[in-house]
C-alpha atoms as a PDB file:
ATOM      1  CA  MET A   1     -73.721 -20.294   7.290  1.00  0.00           C
ATOM      2  CA  SER A   2     -76.641 -20.316   9.721  1.00  0.00           C
ATOM      3  CA  ARG A   3     -77.291 -17.410  12.070  1.00  0.00           C
ATOM      4  CA  ARG A   4     -76.559 -19.690  15.021  1.00  0.00           C
ATOM      5  CA  THR A   5     -73.159 -20.715  13.666  1.00  0.00           C
ATOM      6  CA  GLY A   6     -72.343 -17.082  12.921  1.00  0.00           C
ATOM      7  CA  ALA A   7     -73.230 -16.137  16.491  1.00  0.00           C
ATOM      8  CA  VAL A   8     -70.992 -18.897  17.879  1.00  0.00           C
ATOM      9  CA  LEU A   9     -68.123 -17.700  15.668  1.00  0.00           C
ATOM     10  CA  ALA A  10     -68.744 -14.124  16.852  1.00  0.00           C
ATOM     11  CA  GLY A  11     -68.438 -15.228  20.482  1.00  0.00           C
ATOM     12  CA  VAL A  12     -65.277 -17.207  19.753  1.00  0.00           C
ATOM     13  CA  ALA A  13     -63.761 -14.226  17.932  1.00  0.00           C
ATOM     14  CA  ALA A  14     -64.526 -11.955  20.911  1.00  0.00           C
ATOM     15  CA  ALA A  15     -62.925 -14.423  23.315  1.00  0.00           C
ATOM     16  CA  ALA A  16     -59.931 -14.744  20.975  1.00  0.00           C
ATOM     17  CA  PHE A  17     -59.420 -10.971  21.010  1.00  0.00           C
ATOM     18  CA  TRP A  18     -59.527 -11.065  24.823  1.00  0.00           C
ATOM     19  CA  GLY A  19     -57.009 -13.895  24.774  1.00  0.00           C
ATOM     20  CA  GLY A  20     -54.566 -11.514  23.097  1.00  0.00           C
ATOM     21  CA  LEU A  21     -54.871  -8.951  25.890  1.00  0.00           C
ATOM     22  CA  TYR A  22     -52.118 -10.453  28.065  1.00  0.00           C
ATOM     23  CA  PRO A  23     -49.038  -9.632  25.939  1.00  0.00           C
ATOM     24  CA  ALA A  24     -50.472  -6.218  25.038  1.00  0.00           C
ATOM     25  CA  ILE A  25     -51.260  -5.278  28.634  1.00  0.00           C
ATOM     26  CA  LYS A  26     -47.884  -6.610  29.785  1.00  0.00           C
ATOM     27  CA  VAL A  27     -46.201  -3.933  27.665  1.00  0.00           C
ATOM     28  CA  ILE A  28     -48.678  -1.174  28.480  1.00  0.00           C
ATOM     29  CA  MET A  29     -48.720  -1.628  32.246  1.00  0.00           C
ATOM     30  CA  GLU A  30     -45.026  -0.786  32.430  1.00  0.00           C
ATOM     31  CA  VAL A  31     -45.918   2.886  31.862  1.00  0.00           C
ATOM     32  CA  MET A  32     -49.695   3.188  32.307  1.00  0.00           C
ATOM     33  CA  PRO A  33     -51.813   2.484  35.424  1.00  0.00           C
ATOM     34  CA  PRO A  34     -54.760   0.096  34.945  1.00  0.00           C
ATOM     35  CA  PHE A  35     -57.656   2.546  35.251  1.00  0.00           C
ATOM     36  CA  VAL A  36     -55.962   5.025  32.907  1.00  0.00           C
ATOM     37  CA  LEU A  37     -55.754   2.235  30.336  1.00  0.00           C
ATOM     38  CA  LEU A  38     -59.360   1.242  30.989  1.00  0.00           C
ATOM     39  CA  ALA A  39     -60.597   4.822  30.512  1.00  0.00           C
ATOM     40  CA  ILE A  40     -58.657   5.206  27.241  1.00  0.00           C
ATOM     41  CA  ARG A  41     -59.853   1.772  26.181  1.00  0.00           C
ATOM     42  CA  LEU A  42     -63.531   2.658  26.638  1.00  0.00           C
ATOM     43  CA  ALA A  43     -63.252   6.166  25.165  1.00  0.00           C
ATOM     44  CA  LEU A  44     -61.467   5.012  22.015  1.00  0.00           C
ATOM     45  CA  ALA A  45     -63.790   2.041  21.563  1.00  0.00           C
ATOM     46  CA  ALA A  46     -66.856   4.269  21.899  1.00  0.00           C
ATOM     47  CA  ALA A  47     -65.361   6.713  19.389  1.00  0.00           C
ATOM     48  CA  VAL A  48     -64.873   3.840  16.922  1.00  0.00           C
ATOM     49  CA  LEU A  49     -68.445   2.560  17.298  1.00  0.00           C
ATOM     50  CA  TRP A  50     -70.154   5.959  17.193  1.00  0.00           C
ATOM     51  CA  PRO A  51     -69.842   6.581  13.383  1.00  0.00           C
ATOM     52  CA  PHE A  52     -71.474   3.201  12.703  1.00  0.00           C
ATOM     53  CA  VAL A  53     -74.323   4.020  15.085  1.00  0.00           C
ATOM     54  CA  TRP A  54     -74.685   7.533  13.619  1.00  0.00           C
ATOM     55  CA  GLN A  55     -74.797   6.118  10.081  1.00  0.00           C
ATOM     56  CA  ARG A  56     -77.737   3.947  11.126  1.00  0.00           C
ATOM     57  CA  GLY A  57     -79.664   6.926  12.506  1.00  0.00           C
ATOM     58  CA  GLY A  58     -78.142   7.430  15.940  1.00  0.00           C
ATOM     59  CA  VAL A  59     -79.689   6.474  19.268  1.00  0.00           C
ATOM     60  CA  HIS A  60     -83.225   7.767  19.875  1.00  0.00           C
ATOM     61  CA  TRP A  61     -84.278   6.173  23.127  1.00  0.00           C
ATOM     62  CA  PRO A  62     -86.362   7.493  25.997  1.00  0.00           C
ATOM     63  CA  LEU A  63     -84.308   8.720  28.957  1.00  0.00           C
ATOM     64  CA  ARG A  64     -85.357   5.682  30.978  1.00  0.00           C
ATOM     65  CA  THR A  65     -83.866   3.331  28.352  1.00  0.00           C
ATOM     66  CA  TRP A  66     -80.632   5.330  28.224  1.00  0.00           C
ATOM     67  CA  LEU A  67     -80.256   5.098  31.995  1.00  0.00           C
ATOM     68  CA  ARG A  68     -81.045   1.384  32.009  1.00  0.00           C
ATOM     69  CA  VAL A  69     -78.425   0.543  29.340  1.00  0.00           C
ATOM     70  CA  MET A  70     -75.829   2.836  30.924  1.00  0.00           C
ATOM     71  CA  ALA A  71     -76.425   1.138  34.283  1.00  0.00           C
ATOM     72  CA  VAL A  72     -75.725  -2.247  32.672  1.00  0.00           C
ATOM     73  CA  GLY A  73     -72.571  -0.743  31.138  1.00  0.00           C
ATOM     74  CA  ALA A  74     -71.490   0.620  34.519  1.00  0.00           C
ATOM     75  CA  LEU A  75     -71.787  -2.916  35.875  1.00  0.00           C
ATOM     76  CA  GLY A  76     -69.884  -4.558  33.005  1.00  0.00           C
ATOM     77  CA  PHE A  77     -67.273  -1.963  32.067  1.00  0.00           C
ATOM     78  CA  GLY A  78     -66.948  -0.086  35.339  1.00  0.00           C
ATOM     79  CA  PHE A  79     -67.389  -2.463  38.256  1.00  0.00           C
ATOM     80  CA  THR A  80     -66.467  -5.773  36.597  1.00  0.00           C
ATOM     81  CA  LEU A  81     -63.356  -4.747  34.657  1.00  0.00           C
ATOM     82  CA  GLY A  82     -62.227  -2.505  37.492  1.00  0.00           C
ATOM     83  CA  ILE A  83     -62.458  -5.177  40.174  1.00  0.00           C
ATOM     84  CA  GLN A  84     -60.775  -7.632  37.804  1.00  0.00           C
ATOM     85  CA  PHE A  85     -57.748  -5.295  37.713  1.00  0.00           C
ATOM     86  CA  VAL A  86     -57.753  -5.151  41.517  1.00  0.00           C
ATOM     87  CA  GLY A  87     -58.080  -8.927  41.839  1.00  0.00           C
ATOM     88  CA  THR A  88     -55.270  -9.604  39.381  1.00  0.00           C
ATOM     89  CA  HIS A  89     -53.043  -7.156  41.237  1.00  0.00           C
ATOM     90  CA  LEU A  90     -53.692  -8.774  44.632  1.00  0.00           C
ATOM     91  CA  SER A  91     -53.660 -12.363  43.376  1.00  0.00           C
ATOM     92  CA  THR A  92     -51.817 -14.029  40.476  1.00  0.00           C
ATOM     93  CA  ALA A  93     -52.302 -14.322  36.731  1.00  0.00           C
ATOM     94  CA  SER A  94     -52.895 -18.075  37.114  1.00  0.00           C
ATOM     95  CA  ASN A  95     -55.614 -17.469  39.671  1.00  0.00           C
ATOM     96  CA  GLY A  96     -57.154 -14.869  37.389  1.00  0.00           C
ATOM     97  CA  ALA A  97     -57.284 -17.229  34.419  1.00  0.00           C
ATOM     98  CA  LEU A  98     -58.730 -20.034  36.514  1.00  0.00           C
ATOM     99  CA  ILE A  99     -61.338 -18.083  38.462  1.00  0.00           C
ATOM    100  CA  THR A 100     -62.642 -15.997  35.549  1.00  0.00           C
ATOM    101  CA  SER A 101     -63.108 -19.240  33.605  1.00  0.00           C
ATOM    102  CA  ALA A 102     -66.048 -19.816  35.944  1.00  0.00           C
ATOM    103  CA  THR A 103     -67.931 -17.094  34.030  1.00  0.00           C
ATOM    104  CA  PRO A 104     -69.896 -19.498  31.741  1.00  0.00           C
ATOM    105  CA  ALA A 105     -71.260 -21.400  34.741  1.00  0.00           C
ATOM    106  CA  PHE A 106     -72.506 -18.138  36.275  1.00  0.00           C
ATOM    107  CA  VAL A 107     -74.000 -17.130  32.906  1.00  0.00           C
ATOM    108  CA  VAL A 108     -76.050 -20.351  32.863  1.00  0.00           C
ATOM    109  CA  LEU A 109     -77.276 -19.690  36.405  1.00  0.00           C
ATOM    110  CA  PHE A 110     -78.195 -16.048  35.732  1.00  0.00           C
ATOM    111  CA  GLY A 111     -79.830 -16.992  32.411  1.00  0.00           C
ATOM    112  CA  ALA A 112     -82.073 -19.506  34.162  1.00  0.00           C
ATOM    113  CA  TRP A 113     -82.846 -17.123  37.038  1.00  0.00           C
ATOM    114  CA  LEU A 114     -83.442 -13.842  35.158  1.00  0.00           C
ATOM    115  CA  LEU A 115     -84.558 -15.006  31.703  1.00  0.00           C
ATOM    116  CA  GLY A 116     -86.132 -18.360  32.525  1.00  0.00           C
ATOM    117  CA  GLU A 117     -83.888 -20.123  29.990  1.00  0.00           C
ATOM    118  CA  ARG A 118     -83.803 -23.897  30.103  1.00  0.00           C
ATOM    119  CA  LEU A 119     -80.460 -25.660  29.867  1.00  0.00           C
ATOM    120  CA  THR A 120     -80.840 -28.601  27.488  1.00  0.00           C
ATOM    121  CA  ARG A 121     -79.042 -31.878  28.051  1.00  0.00           C
ATOM    122  CA  ARG A 122     -76.828 -31.228  25.030  1.00  0.00           C
ATOM    123  CA  GLN A 123     -75.855 -27.793  26.360  1.00  0.00           C
ATOM    124  CA  ALA A 124     -75.086 -29.249  29.796  1.00  0.00           C
ATOM    125  CA  VAL A 125     -72.788 -31.841  28.196  1.00  0.00           C
ATOM    126  CA  ALA A 126     -71.131 -29.135  26.084  1.00  0.00           C
ATOM    127  CA  LEU A 127     -70.595 -26.936  29.167  1.00  0.00           C
ATOM    128  CA  GLY A 128     -69.119 -29.850  31.132  1.00  0.00           C
ATOM    129  CA  VAL A 129     -66.779 -30.933  28.315  1.00  0.00           C
ATOM    130  CA  ALA A 130     -65.541 -27.381  27.731  1.00  0.00           C
ATOM    131  CA  THR A 131     -65.039 -26.809  31.478  1.00  0.00           C
ATOM    132  CA  VAL A 132     -62.849 -29.915  31.720  1.00  0.00           C
ATOM    133  CA  GLY A 133     -60.944 -28.624  28.687  1.00  0.00           C
ATOM    134  CA  VAL A 134     -60.245 -25.285  30.375  1.00  0.00           C
ATOM    135  CA  LEU A 135     -59.029 -27.025  33.529  1.00  0.00           C
ATOM    136  CA  LEU A 136     -56.606 -29.086  31.425  1.00  0.00           C
ATOM    137  CA  VAL A 137     -55.350 -25.938  29.716  1.00  0.00           C
ATOM    138  CA  LEU A 138     -54.789 -24.216  33.063  1.00  0.00           C
ATOM    139  CA  LEU A 139     -53.562 -27.256  35.004  1.00  0.00           C
ATOM    140  CA  PRO A 140     -49.817 -26.598  34.498  1.00  0.00           C
ATOM    141  CA  ASP A 141     -50.207 -23.123  36.062  1.00  0.00           C
ATOM    142  CA  MET A 142     -52.372 -24.257  38.968  1.00  0.00           C
ATOM    143  CA  ARG A 143     -49.401 -25.796  40.780  1.00  0.00           C
ATOM    144  CA  GLY A 144     -48.024 -22.340  41.551  1.00  0.00           C
ATOM    145  CA  MET A 145     -51.302 -20.781  42.657  1.00  0.00           C
ATOM    146  CA  SER A 146     -51.147 -18.598  45.752  1.00  0.00           C
ATOM    147  CA  SER A 147     -54.027 -18.305  48.191  1.00  0.00           C
ATOM    148  CA  VAL A 148     -54.438 -14.530  48.355  1.00  0.00           C
ATOM    149  CA  PHE A 149     -57.955 -14.460  49.693  1.00  0.00           C
ATOM    150  CA  TRP A 150     -59.051 -10.919  48.846  1.00  0.00           C
ATOM    151  CA  GLY A 151     -57.618 -11.055  45.337  1.00  0.00           C
ATOM    152  CA  ASN A 152     -59.325 -14.357  44.625  1.00  0.00           C
ATOM    153  CA  LEU A 153     -62.589 -13.000  46.047  1.00  0.00           C
ATOM    154  CA  ALA A 154     -62.337  -9.949  43.772  1.00  0.00           C
ATOM    155  CA  LEU A 155     -61.728 -12.178  40.734  1.00  0.00           C
ATOM    156  CA  LEU A 156     -64.722 -14.323  41.641  1.00  0.00           C
ATOM    157  CA  MET A 157     -66.881 -11.201  41.916  1.00  0.00           C
ATOM    158  CA  ALA A 158     -65.560 -10.082  38.513  1.00  0.00           C
ATOM    159  CA  ALA A 159     -66.560 -13.422  36.960  1.00  0.00           C
ATOM    160  CA  MET A 160     -70.035 -13.100  38.449  1.00  0.00           C
ATOM    161  CA  GLY A 161     -70.301  -9.455  37.346  1.00  0.00           C
ATOM    162  CA  TRP A 162     -69.380 -10.231  33.733  1.00  0.00           C
ATOM    163  CA  ALA A 163     -71.826 -13.132  33.650  1.00  0.00           C
ATOM    164  CA  LEU A 164     -74.604 -10.886  34.947  1.00  0.00           C
ATOM    165  CA  TYR A 165     -73.682  -8.178  32.413  1.00  0.00           C
ATOM    166  CA  SER A 166     -73.819 -10.702  29.564  1.00  0.00           C
ATOM    167  CA  VAL A 167     -77.261 -11.992  30.555  1.00  0.00           C
ATOM    168  CA  LEU A 168     -78.614  -8.450  30.984  1.00  0.00           C
ATOM    169  CA  VAL A 169     -77.309  -7.578  27.502  1.00  0.00           C
ATOM    170  CA  ARG A 170     -79.265 -10.522  26.119  1.00  0.00           C
ATOM    171  CA  ALA A 171     -82.374  -9.178  27.812  1.00  0.00           C
ATOM    172  CA  LEU A 172     -81.794  -5.661  26.454  1.00  0.00           C
ATOM    173  CA  THR A 173     -81.100  -6.742  22.875  1.00  0.00           C
ATOM    174  CA  ARG A 174     -84.418  -8.560  22.665  1.00  0.00           C
ATOM    175  CA  THR A 175     -85.902  -5.131  21.911  1.00  0.00           C
ATOM    176  CA  LEU A 176     -82.881  -2.880  21.267  1.00  0.00           C
ATOM    177  CA  ASP A 177     -80.215  -2.791  18.540  1.00  0.00           C
ATOM    178  CA  THR A 178     -77.026  -4.659  19.491  1.00  0.00           C
ATOM    179  CA  LEU A 179     -74.644  -2.000  18.156  1.00  0.00           C
ATOM    180  CA  GLN A 180     -76.471   0.787  19.988  1.00  0.00           C
ATOM    181  CA  VAL A 181     -76.446  -1.197  23.238  1.00  0.00           C
ATOM    182  CA  SER A 182     -72.701  -1.857  22.840  1.00  0.00           C
ATOM    183  CA  LEU A 183     -71.940   1.859  22.424  1.00  0.00           C
ATOM    184  CA  VAL A 184     -74.158   3.167  25.218  1.00  0.00           C
ATOM    185  CA  ALA A 185     -72.983   0.468  27.630  1.00  0.00           C
ATOM    186  CA  MET A 186     -69.379   1.618  27.081  1.00  0.00           C
ATOM    187  CA  LEU A 187     -70.436   5.200  27.790  1.00  0.00           C
ATOM    188  CA  GLY A 188     -72.041   3.940  30.991  1.00  0.00           C
ATOM    189  CA  GLY A 189     -68.710   2.574  32.176  1.00  0.00           C
ATOM    190  CA  LEU A 190     -66.873   5.898  31.813  1.00  0.00           C
ATOM    191  CA  PRO A 191     -68.396   7.718  34.853  1.00  0.00           C
ATOM    192  CA  VAL A 192     -67.158   4.857  37.032  1.00  0.00           C
ATOM    193  CA  VAL A 193     -63.688   4.593  35.498  1.00  0.00           C
ATOM    194  CA  VAL A 194     -62.706   8.213  34.705  1.00  0.00           C
ATOM    195  CA  PRO A 195     -62.448   9.489  38.330  1.00  0.00           C
ATOM    196  CA  LEU A 196     -60.164   6.575  39.205  1.00  0.00           C
ATOM    197  CA  ALA A 197     -58.169   7.148  36.007  1.00  0.00           C
ATOM    198  CA  LEU A 198     -57.633  10.825  36.882  1.00  0.00           C
ATOM    199  CA  TRP A 199     -56.442   9.813  40.341  1.00  0.00           C
ATOM    200  CA  GLN A 200     -53.987   7.271  38.899  1.00  0.00           C
ATOM    201  CA  SER A 201     -52.779   9.487  36.049  1.00  0.00           C
ATOM    202  CA  ARG A 202     -50.486  11.569  38.274  1.00  0.00           C
ATOM    203  CA  GLY A 203     -46.908  10.957  37.204  1.00  0.00           C
ATOM    204  CA  VAL A 204     -47.780   9.550  33.764  1.00  0.00           C
ATOM    205  CA  THR A 205     -45.877  11.392  31.020  1.00  0.00           C
ATOM    206  CA  LEU A 206     -45.838  11.083  27.242  1.00  0.00           C
ATOM    207  CA  ASP A 207     -42.078  10.523  27.362  1.00  0.00           C
ATOM    208  CA  ASP A 208     -42.754   7.031  28.722  1.00  0.00           C
ATOM    209  CA  PHE A 209     -44.779   6.008  25.661  1.00  0.00           C
ATOM    210  CA  SER A 210     -43.036   3.895  23.026  1.00  0.00           C
ATOM    211  CA  TRP A 211     -44.544   2.760  19.741  1.00  0.00           C
ATOM    212  CA  GLY A 212     -45.042  -0.653  21.330  1.00  0.00           C
ATOM    213  CA  VAL A 213     -47.237   0.932  23.997  1.00  0.00           C
ATOM    214  CA  VAL A 214     -49.186   2.924  21.389  1.00  0.00           C
ATOM    215  CA  TRP A 215     -49.866  -0.156  19.259  1.00  0.00           C
ATOM    216  CA  GLY A 216     -50.792  -2.075  22.393  1.00  0.00           C
ATOM    217  CA  VAL A 217     -53.341   0.571  23.412  1.00  0.00           C
ATOM    218  CA  LEU A 218     -54.816   0.582  19.904  1.00  0.00           C
ATOM    219  CA  TYR A 219     -55.153  -3.215  19.965  1.00  0.00           C
ATOM    220  CA  VAL A 220     -56.819  -3.129  23.377  1.00  0.00           C
ATOM    221  CA  ALA A 221     -59.228  -0.351  22.359  1.00  0.00           C
ATOM    222  CA  LEU A 222     -60.074  -1.335  18.775  1.00  0.00           C
ATOM    223  CA  PHE A 223     -59.973  -5.133  18.804  1.00  0.00           C
ATOM    224  CA  ALA A 224     -60.241  -6.243  22.438  1.00  0.00           C
ATOM    225  CA  THR A 225     -62.935  -3.660  23.266  1.00  0.00           C
ATOM    226  CA  ALA A 226     -64.835  -2.166  20.300  1.00  0.00           C
ATOM    227  CA  ALA A 227     -64.841  -5.270  18.089  1.00  0.00           C
ATOM    228  CA  ALA A 228     -64.862  -7.839  20.895  1.00  0.00           C
ATOM    229  CA  MET A 229     -67.697  -6.224  22.877  1.00  0.00           C
ATOM    230  CA  PHE A 230     -69.897  -5.914  19.798  1.00  0.00           C
ATOM    231  CA  LEU A 231     -69.202  -9.534  18.801  1.00  0.00           C
ATOM    232  CA  TRP A 232     -69.831 -10.740  22.371  1.00  0.00           C
ATOM    233  CA  ASN A 233     -73.115  -8.829  22.565  1.00  0.00           C
ATOM    234  CA  TYR A 234     -74.060 -10.183  19.124  1.00  0.00           C
ATOM    235  CA  ALA A 235     -73.486 -13.734  20.333  1.00  0.00           C
ATOM    236  CA  PHE A 236     -75.735 -13.135  23.341  1.00  0.00           C
ATOM    237  CA  THR A 237     -78.366 -11.557  21.096  1.00  0.00           C
ATOM    238  CA  HIS A 238     -78.698 -14.602  18.835  1.00  0.00           C
ATOM    239  CA  LEU A 239     -77.860 -17.479  21.196  1.00  0.00           C
ATOM    240  CA  GLU A 240     -79.348 -18.655  24.456  1.00  0.00           C
ATOM    241  CA  SER A 241     -77.143 -17.637  27.383  1.00  0.00           C
ATOM    242  CA  GLY A 242     -75.721 -21.111  28.069  1.00  0.00           C
ATOM    243  CA  ALA A 243     -74.572 -21.619  24.471  1.00  0.00           C
ATOM    244  CA  ALA A 244     -73.123 -18.115  24.124  1.00  0.00           C
ATOM    245  CA  ALA A 245     -71.204 -18.493  27.386  1.00  0.00           C
ATOM    246  CA  LEU A 246     -69.372 -21.542  26.048  1.00  0.00           C
ATOM    247  CA  THR A 247     -67.504 -19.376  23.541  1.00  0.00           C
ATOM    248  CA  PHE A 248     -65.742 -17.684  26.481  1.00  0.00           C
ATOM    249  CA  PHE A 249     -63.646 -20.837  26.853  1.00  0.00           C
ATOM    250  CA  ALA A 250     -61.676 -19.844  23.743  1.00  0.00           C
ATOM    251  CA  GLN A 251     -59.989 -17.076  25.748  1.00  0.00           C
ATOM    252  CA  PRO A 252     -57.475 -19.161  27.761  1.00  0.00           C
ATOM    253  CA  VAL A 253     -56.670 -21.288  24.698  1.00  0.00           C
ATOM    254  CA  VAL A 254     -55.787 -18.237  22.620  1.00  0.00           C
ATOM    255  CA  GLY A 255     -53.886 -16.753  25.560  1.00  0.00           C
ATOM    256  CA  VAL A 256     -51.691 -19.849  25.854  1.00  0.00           C
ATOM    257  CA  LEU A 257     -51.115 -19.971  22.077  1.00  0.00           C
ATOM    258  CA  ILE A 258     -50.014 -16.339  21.986  1.00  0.00           C
ATOM    259  CA  GLY A 259     -47.779 -16.977  24.972  1.00  0.00           C
ATOM    260  CA  ALA A 260     -46.159 -19.848  23.082  1.00  0.00           C
ATOM    261  CA  LEU A 261     -45.734 -17.961  19.802  1.00  0.00           C
ATOM    262  CA  TRP A 262     -44.815 -14.552  21.193  1.00  0.00           C
ATOM    263  CA  LEU A 263     -43.269 -15.244  24.591  1.00  0.00           C
ATOM    264  CA  GLY A 264     -41.754 -18.664  23.878  1.00  0.00           C
ATOM    265  CA  GLU A 265     -43.848 -20.473  26.500  1.00  0.00           C
ATOM    266  CA  ARG A 266     -44.130 -24.262  26.236  1.00  0.00           C
ATOM    267  CA  VAL A 267     -47.341 -25.852  24.894  1.00  0.00           C
ATOM    268  CA  THR A 268     -48.169 -28.854  27.073  1.00  0.00           C
ATOM    269  CA  LEU A 269     -50.048 -32.053  26.359  1.00  0.00           C
ATOM    270  CA  GLY A 270     -52.729 -30.805  28.726  1.00  0.00           C
ATOM    271  CA  PHE A 271     -53.160 -27.724  26.551  1.00  0.00           C
ATOM    272  CA  SER A 272     -53.595 -29.838  23.420  1.00  0.00           C
ATOM    273  CA  LEU A 273     -56.150 -32.147  25.062  1.00  0.00           C
ATOM    274  CA  GLY A 274     -57.938 -29.217  26.674  1.00  0.00           C
ATOM    275  CA  GLY A 275     -58.137 -27.316  23.403  1.00  0.00           C
ATOM    276  CA  LEU A 276     -59.646 -30.386  21.748  1.00  0.00           C
ATOM    277  CA  LEU A 277     -62.306 -30.726  24.463  1.00  0.00           C
ATOM    278  CA  ILE A 278     -63.149 -27.022  24.211  1.00  0.00           C
ATOM    279  CA  ALA A 279     -63.564 -27.407  20.451  1.00  0.00           C
ATOM    280  CA  VAL A 280     -65.889 -30.382  21.034  1.00  0.00           C
ATOM    281  CA  GLY A 281     -67.945 -28.337  23.485  1.00  0.00           C
ATOM    282  CA  LEU A 282     -68.257 -25.446  21.022  1.00  0.00           C
ATOM    283  CA  TYR A 283     -69.244 -27.863  18.242  1.00  0.00           C
ATOM    284  CA  LEU A 284     -71.979 -29.394  20.389  1.00  0.00           C
ATOM    285  CA  SER A 285     -73.251 -25.907  21.168  1.00  0.00           C
ATOM    286  CA  ALA A 286     -73.116 -24.672  17.567  1.00  0.00           C
ATOM    287  CA  THR A 287     -75.000 -27.719  16.269  1.00  0.00           C
ATOM    288  CA  ASN A 288     -77.690 -27.623  18.946  1.00  0.00           C
ATOM    289  CA  CYS A 289     -80.345 -26.496  16.492  1.00  0.00           C
ATOM    290  CA  GLN A 290     -83.474 -27.544  18.284  1.00  0.00           C
ATOM    291  CA  GLU A 291     -86.544 -25.412  17.695  1.00  0.00           C
ATOM    292  CA  ASP A 292     -86.570 -24.034  21.210  1.00  0.00           C
ATOM    293  CA  CYS A 293     -83.051 -22.654  20.778  1.00  0.00           C
ATOM    294  CA  ASP A 294     -83.949 -20.830  17.590  1.00  0.00           C
ATOM    295  CA  ALA A 295     -87.101 -19.502  19.173  1.00  0.00           C
ATOM    296  CA  SER A 296     -85.227 -18.147  22.167  1.00  0.00           C
ATOM    297  CA  ALA A 297     -82.761 -16.397  19.864  1.00  0.00           C
END
């Protein structure tokens, strides 16, 4: 397996883990406010990654590098995930799925602007095909979309924030270790999230926690945060931004599949066609092995 293919698979795996967030969060949010969950999510994920970083010698960066990586983490894990919670609360789940699917387009724009990356014709075709696929997957839910302006605006800002975070991670990992960046970025999100979590934690008691909630929190922290964030950062380390962003399109596909298998939701023809187009887009990206792509990785 080539490094490029491995990086594409890493991005798809990260997006797949995020696709499984919906049923887990649906159970958790019955007893736990969003920022409390986010704080636990980041703390547990950082605790999981730390032994691996320590085994490889720890993090020995100058203070300026620490602050720079933590600032990127504050953007990605503090601002972006936080405002996504707010947007989802004010708007609808359908709006959230649709608007955050704009993330790859913003990644391409930020990659060109900040890193000077050139979008090849093959990548543009792959991005277009995958985008159409996502719209087909989400089309059945778009009929019930509400027009809650502030919630939609927050979701759009979250999509832009995550795209900017992803491109900045690519810039950082050109000279820094991916695992170290993943850990320190999570630590950077905690100062933003913890004060809000403490404010929301009033009234939360351990009596409300069932084993389903506990397993849900562990899934969110271990798989959808620790593993997914490392895999996502790995994809952006070894792929140009436009190609890595395409793997994000696996998230709504996995979300719909889990909804069908776990929640008994109906799989539509649009989902099947959309999933096929997304797969085509990922294939075009994974096989785009021109010399300039490898050089940029």
